[in-house]
C-alpha atoms as a PDB file:
ATOM      1  CA  UNK A   1     -23.569   0.535  -6.769  1.00  0.00           C
ATOM      2  CA  UNK A   2     -20.434  -0.040  -8.798  1.00  0.00           C
ATOM      3  CA  UNK A   3     -20.212  -3.316 -10.727  1.00  0.00           C
ATOM      4  CA  UNK A   4     -17.533  -5.862 -10.069  1.00  0.00           C
ATOM      5  CA  UNK A   5     -14.763  -6.457 -11.873  1.00  0.00           C
ATOM      6  CA  UNK A   6     -11.806  -9.166 -11.637  1.00  0.00           C
ATOM      7  CA  UNK A   7      -9.417  -7.010 -13.756  1.00  0.00           C
ATOM      8  CA  UNK A   8      -7.407  -4.002 -12.483  1.00  0.00           C
ATOM      9  CA  UNK A   9      -9.164  -1.173 -14.794  1.00  0.00           C
ATOM     10  CA  UNK A  10      -7.525   2.236 -15.905  1.00  0.00           C
ATOM     11  CA  UNK A  11      -8.896   4.013 -12.732  1.00  0.00           C
ATOM     12  CA  UNK A  12      -6.903   1.966 -10.601  1.00  0.00           C
ATOM     13  CA  UNK A  13      -3.594   2.287 -12.758  1.00  0.00           C
ATOM     14  CA  UNK A  14      -3.815   5.685 -13.670  1.00  0.00           C
ATOM     15  CA  UNK A  15      -4.292   6.543  -9.827  1.00  0.00           C
ATOM     16  CA  UNK A  16      -1.269   4.214  -9.434  1.00  0.00           C
ATOM     17  CA  UNK A  17       0.958   6.644 -12.020  1.00  0.00           C
ATOM     18  CA  UNK A  18      -0.164   9.800 -10.070  1.00  0.00           C
ATOM     19  CA  UNK A  19       0.383   9.091  -6.712  1.00  0.00           C
ATOM     20  CA  UNK A  20       4.125   7.176  -7.746  1.00  0.00           C
ATOM     21  CA  UNK A  21       5.354  10.176  -9.463  1.00  0.00           C
ATOM     22  CA  UNK A  22       7.527   9.152 -11.417  1.00  0.00           C
ATOM     23  CA  UNK A  23       8.027   6.597 -14.937  1.00  0.00           C
ATOM     24  CA  UNK A  24       6.930   3.214 -14.485  1.00  0.00           C
ATOM     25  CA  UNK A  25       7.322   0.620 -16.720  1.00  0.00           C
ATOM     26  CA  UNK A  26       3.995  -2.357 -17.169  1.00  0.00           C
ATOM     27  CA  UNK A  27       5.818  -4.418 -14.910  1.00  0.00           C
ATOM     28  CA  UNK A  28       6.479  -1.958 -12.109  1.00  0.00           C
ATOM     29  CA  UNK A  29       2.916  -1.142 -11.912  1.00  0.00           C
ATOM     30  CA  UNK A  30       1.454  -4.425 -12.124  1.00  0.00           C
ATOM     31  CA  UNK A  31       3.824  -5.953  -9.510  1.00  0.00           C
ATOM     32  CA  UNK A  32       2.742  -3.121  -7.066  1.00  0.00           C
ATOM     33  CA  UNK A  33      -0.907  -2.811  -7.950  1.00  0.00           C
ATOM     34  CA  UNK A  34      -1.150  -6.728  -7.034  1.00  0.00           C
ATOM     35  CA  UNK A  35       0.053  -6.204  -3.414  1.00  0.00           C
ATOM     36  CA  UNK A  36      -2.247  -3.135  -2.811  1.00  0.00           C
ATOM     37  CA  UNK A  37      -5.477  -4.934  -4.836  1.00  0.00           C
ATOM     38  CA  UNK A  38      -4.424  -8.885  -4.033  1.00  0.00           C
ATOM     39  CA  UNK A  39      -8.430  -9.621  -5.378  1.00  0.00           C
ATOM     40  CA  UNK A  40      -7.592  -8.586  -8.760  1.00  0.00           C
ATOM     41  CA  UNK A  41      -5.673 -10.038 -11.561  1.00  0.00           C
ATOM     42  CA  UNK A  42      -4.428  -8.255 -14.611  1.00  0.00           C
ATOM     43  CA  UNK A  43      -1.014  -9.783 -16.523  1.00  0.00           C
ATOM     44  CA  UNK A  44       1.910  -6.932 -17.460  1.00  0.00           C
ATOM     45  CA  UNK A  45       0.664  -7.089 -21.501  1.00  0.00           C
ATOM     46  CA  UNK A  46      -2.889  -6.032 -19.805  1.00  0.00           C
ATOM     47  CA  UNK A  47      -1.943  -3.367 -17.703  1.00  0.00           C
ATOM     48  CA  UNK A  48       0.367  -2.334 -20.960  1.00  0.00           C
ATOM     49  CA  UNK A  49      -1.958  -1.820 -23.011  1.00  0.00           C
ATOM     50  CA  UNK A  50      -4.128   0.289 -20.795  1.00  0.00           C
ATOM     51  CA  UNK A  51      -1.140   2.399 -19.599  1.00  0.00           C
ATOM     52  CA  UNK A  52      -0.665   2.960 -23.988  1.00  0.00           C
ATOM     53  CA  UNK A  53      -4.573   4.210 -23.874  1.00  0.00           C
ATOM     54  CA  UNK A  54      -3.987   6.571 -21.233  1.00  0.00           C
ATOM     55  CA  UNK A  55      -1.015   7.914 -22.440  1.00  0.00           C
ATOM     56  CA  UNK A  56      -2.288   8.443 -25.723  1.00  0.00           C
ATOM     57  CA  UNK A  57      -5.276  10.248 -24.643  1.00  0.00           C
ATOM     58  CA  UNK A  58      -5.716  13.705 -25.625  1.00  0.00           C
ATOM     59  CA  UNK A  59      -7.015  13.922 -22.008  1.00  0.00           C
ATOM     60  CA  UNK A  60      -3.707  13.351 -20.305  1.00  0.00           C
ATOM     61  CA  UNK A  61      -0.852  14.510 -19.666  1.00  0.00           C
ATOM     62  CA  UNK A  62       1.734  11.624 -19.914  1.00  0.00           C
ATOM     63  CA  UNK A  63       5.702  10.935 -21.207  1.00  0.00           C
ATOM     64  CA  UNK A  64       5.870   8.036 -22.392  1.00  0.00           C
ATOM     65  CA  UNK A  65      10.052   7.006 -22.553  1.00  0.00           C
ATOM     66  CA  UNK A  66      10.567   5.399 -25.816  1.00  0.00           C
ATOM     67  CA  UNK A  67      14.572   5.692 -25.476  1.00  0.00           C
ATOM     68  CA  UNK A  68      14.755   2.891 -22.419  1.00  0.00           C
ATOM     69  CA  UNK A  69      13.593  -0.880 -22.610  1.00  0.00           C
ATOM     70  CA  UNK A  70      10.748  -1.423 -21.433  1.00  0.00           C
ATOM     71  CA  UNK A  71       9.079   1.685 -21.816  1.00  0.00           C
ATOM     72  CA  UNK A  72       8.618   4.145 -19.345  1.00  0.00           C
ATOM     73  CA  UNK A  73       5.297   5.981 -18.209  1.00  0.00           C
ATOM     74  CA  UNK A  74       5.479   9.019 -16.269  1.00  0.00           C
ATOM     75  CA  UNK A  75       1.241  10.350 -16.032  1.00  0.00           C
ATOM     76  CA  UNK A  76       1.062  13.898 -14.415  1.00  0.00           C
ATOM     77  CA  UNK A  77      -2.714  14.606 -15.073  1.00  0.00           C
ATOM     78  CA  UNK A  78      -5.876  12.664 -16.168  1.00  0.00           C
ATOM     79  CA  UNK A  79      -9.071  14.641 -16.885  1.00  0.00           C
ATOM     80  CA  UNK A  80     -12.517  12.947 -15.989  1.00  0.00           C
ATOM     81  CA  UNK A  81     -13.268  13.145 -19.580  1.00  0.00           C
ATOM     82  CA  UNK A  82     -11.083  10.037 -20.172  1.00  0.00           C
ATOM     83  CA  UNK A  83     -13.369   7.932 -17.896  1.00  0.00           C
ATOM     84  CA  UNK A  84     -16.802   9.282 -19.637  1.00  0.00           C
ATOM     85  CA  UNK A  85     -15.843   8.054 -22.803  1.00  0.00           C
ATOM     86  CA  UNK A  86     -15.944   4.031 -21.638  1.00  0.00           C
ATOM     87  CA  UNK A  87     -19.336   3.959 -20.441  1.00  0.00           C
ATOM     88  CA  UNK A  88     -20.379   3.696 -24.158  1.00  0.00           C
ATOM     89  CA  UNK A  89     -19.565  -0.110 -24.852  1.00  0.00           C
ATOM     90  CA  UNK A  90     -19.518   0.786 -28.650  1.00  0.00           C
ATOM     91  CA  UNK A  91     -16.526   3.268 -28.489  1.00  0.00           C
ATOM     92  CA  UNK A  92     -14.281   0.842 -27.137  1.00  0.00           C
ATOM     93  CA  UNK A  93     -12.037  -1.024 -30.171  1.00  0.00           C
ATOM     94  CA  UNK A  94     -13.151  -4.262 -30.376  1.00  0.00           C
ATOM     95  CA  UNK A  95     -10.514  -5.723 -31.927  1.00  0.00           C
ATOM     96  CA  UNK A  96      -8.543  -3.584 -28.860  1.00  0.00           C
ATOM     97  CA  UNK A  97     -10.893  -5.262 -26.236  1.00  0.00           C
ATOM     98  CA  UNK A  98     -10.770  -8.783 -27.887  1.00  0.00           C
ATOM     99  CA  UNK A  99      -6.551  -8.502 -26.980  1.00  0.00           C
ATOM    100  CA  UNK A 100      -6.972  -7.017 -23.746  1.00  0.00           C
ATOM    101  CA  UNK A 101      -9.627  -9.986 -22.837  1.00  0.00           C
ATOM    102  CA  UNK A 102      -7.323 -12.869 -24.422  1.00  0.00           C
ATOM    103  CA  UNK A 103      -5.490 -15.415 -21.748  1.00  0.00           C
ATOM    104  CA  UNK A 104      -1.933 -15.840 -22.303  1.00  0.00           C
ATOM    105  CA  UNK A 105      -2.305 -18.911 -24.147  1.00  0.00           C
ATOM    106  CA  UNK A 106      -4.933 -17.785 -26.945  1.00  0.00           C
ATOM    107  CA  UNK A 107      -2.482 -14.920 -27.126  1.00  0.00           C
ATOM    108  CA  UNK A 108       0.723 -17.182 -28.197  1.00  0.00           C
ATOM    109  CA  UNK A 109      -1.866 -19.420 -30.235  1.00  0.00           C
ATOM    110  CA  UNK A 110      -2.698 -16.303 -32.304  1.00  0.00           C
ATOM    111  CA  UNK A 111       0.942 -15.231 -32.901  1.00  0.00           C
ATOM    112  CA  UNK A 112       2.136 -18.695 -33.518  1.00  0.00           C
ATOM    113  CA  UNK A 113      -1.025 -18.650 -36.700  1.00  0.00           C
ATOM    114  CA  UNK A 114       0.371 -15.385 -37.839  1.00  0.00           C
ATOM    115  CA  UNK A 115       3.783 -17.115 -37.987  1.00  0.00           C
ATOM    116  CA  UNK A 116       2.645 -20.337 -39.415  1.00  0.00           C
ATOM    117  CA  UNK A 117       0.751 -18.414 -42.122  1.00  0.00           C
ATOM    118  CA  UNK A 118       3.974 -16.410 -43.133  1.00  0.00           C
ATOM    119  CA  UNK A 119       6.073 -19.587 -43.331  1.00  0.00           C
ATOM    120  CA  UNK A 120       3.175 -20.845 -45.548  1.00  0.00           C
ATOM    121  CA  UNK A 121       3.365 -18.167 -48.056  1.00  0.00           C
ATOM    122  CA  UNK A 122       7.391 -18.036 -47.982  1.00  0.00           C
ATOM    123  CA  UNK A 123       7.343 -21.860 -48.404  1.00  0.00           C
ATOM    124  CA  UNK A 124       4.908 -21.606 -51.299  1.00  0.00           C
ATOM    125  CA  UNK A 125       6.908 -18.488 -52.823  1.00  0.00           C
ATOM    126  CA  UNK A 126       9.983 -20.750 -52.781  1.00  0.00           C
ATOM    127  CA  UNK A 127       8.147 -23.448 -54.691  1.00  0.00           C
ATOM    128  CA  UNK A 128       6.896 -21.592 -57.174  1.00  0.00           C
ATOM    129  CA  UNK A 129       9.981 -20.038 -58.303  1.00  0.00           C
ATOM    130  CA  UNK A 130      11.940 -23.662 -58.800  1.00  0.00           C
ATOM    131  CA  UNK A 131      10.347 -24.335 -61.920  1.00  0.00           C
END
């Protein structure tokens, strides 16, 4: 029996993209899948990260259009080998997994910490250059 999950998986996302048959942004995919799977919850950024990992995989035939904003993905084919690699949890990049599992508040907090650090470095360099 399959494990219960509460978020959209790469399987649902890739299945939708192939059925859709044309380029789609992460927001479009998220909204369409919320209607199809109301029991799952995923943010646009989570869906985008999954779409990006599908597109970068050597097991996929995906065209990413960087000339438009938001970026669109056109998935034509995805080999089953893509899903086999996720059965081994040690193969998943821990940093990417942590980002995917963060809440929106945690992401904002992490971004603001980076900004605070950068401002503190700039502030120190200005203080040091005055003397």
